[in-house]
């Protein structure tokens, strides 16, 4: 796997995991929201903690994917057949 491909895949997985992690532990302001703010806005979003968790989870997921691909457990042909596509011509 080329370095740029690995970085691009890591970046894509990171963004997907970020959107999965963002709702963790969110508490809405509710009725006690300050004037001019949305009552559905989070009181403490804890974004730094969410970025750290996103990076940890992404590193594990990316590591498993890279291990499976470089070990030959998952190939482009197997991915194509799982999706119902014809085998790739070489």
Protein backbone atom coordinates (compact mmCIF):
# COMPACT_ATOMS: atom_id res chain seq x y z
CA UNK A 1 0.00 0.00 0.00
CA UNK A 2 1.44 3.36 -1.00
CA UNK A 3 2.00 5.94 1.72
CA UNK A 4 -0.35 8.48 0.16
CA UNK A 5 -3.06 5.84 -0.15
CA UNK A 6 -2.62 4.86 3.50
CA UNK A 7 -2.85 8.51 4.60
CA UNK A 8 -5.95 9.09 2.46
CA UNK A 9 -7.69 6.01 3.87
CA UNK A 10 -6.75 7.06 7.43
CA UNK A 11 -8.17 10.54 6.78
CA UNK A 12 -11.46 9.12 5.45
CA UNK A 13 -11.84 6.73 8.37
CA UNK A 14 -11.00 9.58 10.80
CA UNK A 15 -13.84 11.77 9.46
CA UNK A 16 -16.34 8.90 9.53
CA UNK A 17 -15.40 8.02 13.10
CA UNK A 18 -15.53 11.70 14.12
CA UNK A 19 -19.18 11.93 13.09
CA UNK A 20 -19.87 8.73 15.04
CA UNK A 21 -18.09 10.08 18.16
CA UNK A 22 -19.55 13.62 18.16
CA UNK A 23 -22.85 12.67 19.87
CA UNK A 24 -21.12 10.85 22.76
CA UNK A 25 -22.03 12.46 26.10
CA UNK A 26 -23.82 15.48 24.67
CA UNK A 27 -26.21 17.21 27.06
CA UNK A 28 -28.46 19.96 25.69
CA UNK A 29 -28.72 23.32 27.46
CA UNK A 30 -32.47 22.93 27.72
CA UNK A 31 -34.54 25.56 29.52
CA UNK A 32 -31.57 27.13 31.30
CA UNK A 33 -29.90 28.22 28.05
CA UNK A 34 -28.50 31.76 27.96
CA UNK A 35 -30.46 34.30 25.98
CA UNK A 36 -29.69 34.18 22.28
CA UNK A 37 -28.47 30.58 22.16
CA UNK A 38 -30.23 27.50 20.90
CA UNK A 39 -31.62 25.30 23.69
CA UNK A 40 -30.41 22.24 21.78
CA UNK A 41 -26.80 23.40 21.80
CA UNK A 42 -24.49 21.29 23.99
CA UNK A 43 -23.42 22.70 27.35
CA UNK A 44 -19.90 21.23 27.26
CA UNK A 45 -19.05 19.73 23.84
CA UNK A 46 -15.62 18.38 25.03
CA UNK A 47 -14.22 18.57 21.50
CA UNK A 48 -10.61 17.89 22.47
CA UNK A 49 -11.59 14.62 24.16
CA UNK A 50 -13.66 13.67 21.11
CA UNK A 51 -10.74 14.35 18.77
CA UNK A 52 -8.50 12.18 20.94
CA UNK A 53 -11.07 9.34 21.00
CA UNK A 54 -11.57 9.70 17.24
CA UNK A 55 -7.83 9.37 16.67
CA UNK A 56 -7.55 6.32 18.96
CA UNK A 57 -10.51 4.51 17.38
CA UNK A 58 -9.38 5.41 13.86
CA UNK A 59 -5.86 4.13 14.51
CA UNK A 60 -7.23 0.77 15.66
CA UNK A 61 -9.68 0.47 12.73
CA UNK A 62 -7.07 1.58 10.19
CA UNK A 63 -4.51 -0.82 11.67
CA UNK A 64 -6.90 -3.74 11.32
CA UNK A 65 -7.74 -2.76 7.74
CA UNK A 66 -4.06 -2.32 6.82
CA UNK A 67 -3.17 -5.65 8.44
CA UNK A 68 -5.95 -7.45 6.56
CA UNK A 69 -4.98 -5.86 3.23
CA UNK A 70 -1.21 -6.29 3.49
CA UNK A 71 -1.62 -9.82 4.85
CA UNK A 72 -3.68 -10.79 1.81
CA UNK A 73 -6.82 -11.56 3.81
CA UNK A 74 -8.75 -8.95 1.81
CA UNK A 75 -7.95 -8.29 -1.83
CA UNK A 76 -9.48 -6.00 -4.42
CA UNK A 77 -10.96 -9.05 -6.15
CA UNK A 78 -12.62 -10.23 -2.94
CA UNK A 79 -14.04 -6.76 -2.30
CA UNK A 80 -15.40 -6.64 -5.86
CA UNK A 81 -17.04 -10.05 -5.49
CA UNK A 82 -18.61 -9.07 -2.14
CA UNK A 83 -20.19 -6.07 -3.88
CA UNK A 84 -21.39 -8.14 -6.81
CA UNK A 85 -18.97 -6.61 -9.29
CA UNK A 86 -17.00 -8.61 -11.88
CA UNK A 87 -13.38 -9.49 -11.09
CA UNK A 88 -10.77 -6.92 -11.97
CA UNK A 89 -8.82 -7.52 -15.18
CA UNK A 90 -5.03 -7.63 -14.89
